[in-house]
Protein backbone atom coordinates (compact mmCIF):
# COMPACT_ATOMS: atom_id res chain seq x y z
CA ASN A 1 -100.12 28.24 -89.31
CA VAL A 2 -101.65 24.78 -89.27
CA ASP A 3 -105.26 25.81 -88.63
CA ALA A 4 -105.48 29.48 -89.74
CA VAL A 5 -106.78 30.47 -86.30
CA GLU A 6 -105.34 33.07 -83.92
CA HIS A 7 -104.20 31.47 -80.65
CA THR A 8 -103.46 33.07 -77.27
CA ASP A 9 -103.35 30.00 -74.97
CA PRO A 10 -99.67 29.14 -74.39
CA SER A 11 -100.30 25.40 -74.00
CA LEU A 12 -102.20 25.29 -77.29
CA MET A 13 -99.50 27.36 -78.96
CA LYS A 14 -96.87 24.87 -77.80
CA ALA A 15 -98.84 21.93 -79.21
CA ASN A 16 -99.36 23.78 -82.49
CA LEU A 17 -95.65 24.52 -82.81
CA VAL A 18 -95.00 20.78 -82.95
CA GLN A 19 -97.61 20.41 -85.71
CA GLN A 20 -96.08 23.33 -87.61
CA LEU A 21 -93.06 21.17 -88.37
CA THR A 22 -95.01 18.47 -90.21
CA ALA A 23 -98.32 19.95 -91.36
CA PRO A 24 -98.98 22.18 -94.38
CA VAL A 25 -99.18 25.91 -93.71
CA LEU A 26 -102.61 27.43 -94.33
CA TRP A 27 -101.18 30.82 -95.26
CA ALA A 28 -103.81 31.78 -97.85
CA LYS A 29 -106.64 30.80 -95.50
CA GLY A 30 -105.06 32.85 -92.72
CA MET A 31 -104.71 35.88 -94.98
CA GLN A 32 -108.33 35.53 -96.11
CA LYS A 33 -109.41 35.54 -92.45
CA LEU A 34 -107.54 38.80 -91.90
CA VAL A 35 -109.20 40.34 -94.96
CA ASP A 36 -112.61 39.14 -93.74
CA GLN A 37 -111.88 40.85 -90.40
CA GLY A 38 -111.31 44.15 -92.19
CA TYR A 39 -107.54 44.28 -92.61
CA ASP A 40 -106.65 45.84 -95.95
CA SER A 41 -102.92 46.63 -95.80
CA PHE A 42 -100.12 44.06 -95.61
CA TYR A 43 -96.35 44.50 -95.40
CA GLU A 44 -93.81 41.90 -96.49
CA LEU A 45 -90.48 42.39 -94.74
CA GLY A 46 -87.34 40.94 -96.28
CA PRO A 47 -86.00 40.39 -99.77
CA GLY A 48 -88.39 39.37 -102.52
CA THR A 49 -92.10 39.70 -103.18
CA VAL A 50 -93.33 36.11 -103.03
CA LEU A 51 -95.85 36.64 -100.23
CA ALA A 52 -97.17 39.85 -101.77
CA GLY A 53 -97.75 37.92 -104.99
CA LEU A 54 -99.59 35.15 -103.15
CA LEU A 55 -101.69 37.73 -101.30
CA LYS A 56 -102.69 39.27 -104.63
CA ARG A 57 -104.42 35.97 -105.46
CA VAL A 58 -106.30 35.96 -102.14
CA ALA A 59 -107.19 39.66 -101.87
CA ARG A 60 -106.78 41.68 -105.04
CA SER A 61 -108.01 44.90 -103.41
CA ALA A 62 -105.61 44.70 -100.44
CA THR A 63 -102.66 47.06 -100.28
CA ARG A 64 -99.45 45.03 -100.52
CA VAL A 65 -96.09 46.60 -99.70
CA SER A 66 -92.81 44.69 -100.02
CA ILE A 67 -89.95 46.09 -97.95
CA GLY A 68 -86.52 44.66 -98.68
CA THR A 69 -84.01 47.43 -98.08
CA VAL A 70 -83.19 50.06 -95.47
CA ASP A 71 -84.24 52.78 -97.94
CA GLU A 72 -87.64 51.10 -98.39
CA ILE A 73 -88.10 50.87 -94.62
CA GLU A 74 -87.30 54.56 -94.24
CA SER A 75 -89.68 55.43 -97.07
CA VAL A 76 -92.56 53.52 -95.47
CA LEU A 77 -91.91 55.08 -92.06
CA ALA A 78 -91.63 58.63 -93.45
């Protein structure tokens, strides 16, 4: 998102959605915040592994799982 902060206030979320269209995304900063909060496993849903690759730069020790097919979904859920 535009400020790498979790938001729960609907009016602030609405204002931020407008900014999302024109401001750079602070994805790496947001991921680093999650790591700092103790999250250590991340799942990328959809084809490709771009986000998992970017996460590797931010948090080398984090578990990164890319899920792009039905078989991979079933494997993760098993």
